[in-house]
Each structure stands twice: as C-alpha cells, then as structure tokens.
Amino acid sequence: MVINLILQILTWIAYVKIDKRDDKGWRIFLLVINILWLIGSVPATIGGLLSGASAIVLIESVLNLVSGVFFILAFVVK
C-alpha cells in the first residue's frame, strides 16, 4: 500500500511537470507507469469479479484502471 501511494505521488508530480518542453523524462515515466498499471489492473478487476473479491479490492482495481486511462490521455493531450 505504501508503494502504491508513492507511485501515485510520483505520477502526480510527473503530470505537473509534463508541461515543460525540456523535461521529457517525466512524460516517459508517466506513460510507462500507467501502462504497467493498466496491465495489472485489468486482470485484477476481471479476476476479482470472477472470484467474488471484496468491494475494497474491486474498487481499488477499478480506480487504478481509470487513473491509468486518464493519465495516458493526459500524456497524449499535453
């Protein structure tokens, strides 16, 4: 849970810094970390639904899925 929180903080820092033209490292970080979140959250959401996981686990998986999609959209739009 602590690692997830740290990654969330880093993604928000990356989102704020991607406006700068000279700092492409944060853009790449944002794209890669959110692709990884999507890869991890899709099976977790589907597996949670099929196995009858608790609501907290499903909510976390769905939120990771949605945040991954929105951050990738932010990468494309900015």
C-alpha atoms as a PDB file:
ATOM      1  CA  MET A   1       0.000   0.000   0.000  1.00  0.00           C
ATOM      2  CA  VAL A   2       2.884   2.368   0.752  1.00  0.00           C
ATOM      3  CA  ILE A   3       4.492   1.615  -2.618  1.00  0.00           C
ATOM      4  CA  ASN A   4       1.182   2.341  -4.347  1.00  0.00           C
ATOM      5  CA  LEU A   5       0.923   5.664  -2.513  1.00  0.00           C
ATOM      6  CA  ILE A   6       4.480   6.614  -3.508  1.00  0.00           C
ATOM      7  CA  LEU A   7       3.742   5.747  -7.136  1.00  0.00           C
ATOM      8  CA  GLN A   8       0.565   7.842  -7.032  1.00  0.00           C
ATOM      9  CA  ILE A   9       2.537  10.822  -5.706  1.00  0.00           C
ATOM     10  CA  LEU A  10       5.199  10.384  -8.389  1.00  0.00           C
ATOM     11  CA  THR A  11       2.576  10.238 -11.128  1.00  0.00           C
ATOM     12  CA  TRP A  12       1.018  13.494  -9.938  1.00  0.00           C
ATOM     13  CA  ILE A  13       4.471  15.112  -9.892  1.00  0.00           C
ATOM     14  CA  ALA A  14       5.019  13.812 -13.421  1.00  0.00           C
ATOM     15  CA  TYR A  15       1.649  15.177 -14.511  1.00  0.00           C
ATOM     16  CA  VAL A  16       2.517  18.643 -13.213  1.00  0.00           C
ATOM     17  CA  LYS A  17       5.957  18.610 -14.833  1.00  0.00           C
ATOM     18  CA  ILE A  18       4.981  17.383 -18.311  1.00  0.00           C
ATOM     19  CA  ASP A  19       4.085  20.911 -19.391  1.00  0.00           C
ATOM     20  CA  LYS A  20       7.756  21.776 -19.627  1.00  0.00           C
ATOM     21  CA  ARG A  21       9.215  21.140 -23.068  1.00  0.00           C
ATOM     22  CA  ASP A  22      12.710  20.291 -21.829  1.00  0.00           C
ATOM     23  CA  ASP A  23      11.666  17.629 -19.306  1.00  0.00           C
ATOM     24  CA  LYS A  24      10.713  14.553 -21.352  1.00  0.00           C
ATOM     25  CA  GLY A  25      11.758  12.076 -18.641  1.00  0.00           C
ATOM     26  CA  TRP A  26       8.581  12.696 -16.636  1.00  0.00           C
ATOM     27  CA  ARG A  27       6.445  12.166 -19.761  1.00  0.00           C
ATOM     28  CA  ILE A  28       8.069   8.800 -20.381  1.00  0.00           C
ATOM     29  CA  PHE A  29       7.710   7.879 -16.691  1.00  0.00           C
ATOM     30  CA  LEU A  30       4.028   8.767 -16.798  1.00  0.00           C
ATOM     31  CA  LEU A  31       3.405   6.687 -19.884  1.00  0.00           C
ATOM     32  CA  VAL A  32       5.333   3.623 -18.680  1.00  0.00           C
ATOM     33  CA  ILE A  33       3.935   3.536 -15.130  1.00  0.00           C
ATOM     34  CA  ASN A  34       0.374   3.873 -16.342  1.00  0.00           C
ATOM     35  CA  ILE A  35       0.768   1.182 -18.967  1.00  0.00           C
ATOM     36  CA  LEU A  36       2.009  -1.056 -16.149  1.00  0.00           C
ATOM     37  CA  TRP A  37      -0.988  -0.078 -14.006  1.00  0.00           C
ATOM     38  CA  LEU A  38      -3.345  -0.915 -16.849  1.00  0.00           C
ATOM     39  CA  ILE A  39      -1.663  -4.262 -17.409  1.00  0.00           C
ATOM     40  CA  GLY A  40      -2.008  -5.045 -13.703  1.00  0.00           C
ATOM     41  CA  SER A  41      -5.459  -3.646 -13.065  1.00  0.00           C
ATOM     42  CA  VAL A  42      -7.347  -5.300 -15.917  1.00  0.00           C
ATOM     43  CA  PRO A  43      -6.616  -8.884 -14.769  1.00  0.00           C
ATOM     44  CA  ALA A  44      -7.117  -7.859 -11.129  1.00  0.00           C
ATOM     45  CA  THR A  45     -10.535  -6.385 -11.907  1.00  0.00           C
ATOM     46  CA  ILE A  46     -11.650  -9.344 -14.009  1.00  0.00           C
ATOM     47  CA  GLY A  47     -10.256 -11.852 -11.513  1.00  0.00           C
ATOM     48  CA  GLY A  48     -11.882 -10.010  -8.631  1.00  0.00           C
ATOM     49  CA  LEU A  49     -15.234 -10.050 -10.348  1.00  0.00           C
ATOM     50  CA  LEU A  50     -14.990 -13.740 -11.180  1.00  0.00           C
ATOM     51  CA  SER A  51     -13.774 -14.803  -7.744  1.00  0.00           C
ATOM     52  CA  GLY A  52     -16.145 -12.609  -5.754  1.00  0.00           C
ATOM     53  CA  ALA A  53     -13.464 -10.461  -4.147  1.00  0.00           C
ATOM     54  CA  SER A  54     -14.351  -7.867  -1.553  1.00  0.00           C
ATOM     55  CA  ALA A  55     -15.672  -4.491  -2.600  1.00  0.00           C
ATOM     56  CA  ILE A  56     -12.491  -2.713  -1.460  1.00  0.00           C
ATOM     57  CA  VAL A  57     -10.310  -4.822  -3.750  1.00  0.00           C
ATOM     58  CA  LEU A  58     -12.627  -4.251  -6.695  1.00  0.00           C
ATOM     59  CA  ILE A  59     -12.817  -0.517  -6.082  1.00  0.00           C
ATOM     60  CA  GLU A  60      -9.022  -0.261  -5.906  1.00  0.00           C
ATOM     61  CA  SER A  61      -8.633  -2.230  -9.145  1.00  0.00           C
ATOM     62  CA  VAL A  62     -11.216  -0.143 -10.969  1.00  0.00           C
ATOM     63  CA  LEU A  63      -9.699   3.125  -9.695  1.00  0.00           C
ATOM     64  CA  ASN A  64      -6.242   2.032 -10.859  1.00  0.00           C
ATOM     65  CA  LEU A  65      -7.726   1.174 -14.236  1.00  0.00           C
ATOM     66  CA  VAL A  66      -9.471   4.542 -14.562  1.00  0.00           C
ATOM     67  CA  SER A  67      -6.469   6.544 -13.343  1.00  0.00           C
ATOM     68  CA  GLY A  68      -4.222   4.702 -15.783  1.00  0.00           C
ATOM     69  CA  VAL A  69      -6.501   5.577 -18.688  1.00  0.00           C
ATOM     70  CA  PHE A  70      -6.752   9.229 -17.673  1.00  0.00           C
ATOM     71  CA  PHE A  71      -3.020   9.644 -17.138  1.00  0.00           C
ATOM     72  CA  ILE A  72      -2.300   8.118 -20.542  1.00  0.00           C
ATOM     73  CA  LEU A  73      -4.823  10.529 -22.036  1.00  0.00           C
ATOM     74  CA  ALA A  74      -3.011  13.353 -20.246  1.00  0.00           C
ATOM     75  CA  PHE A  75       0.235  12.141 -21.816  1.00  0.00           C
ATOM     76  CA  VAL A  76      -1.355  12.227 -25.277  1.00  0.00           C
ATOM     77  CA  VAL A  77      -3.139  15.570 -24.853  1.00  0.00           C
ATOM     78  CA  LYS A  78      -0.361  17.554 -23.159  1.00  0.00           C
END
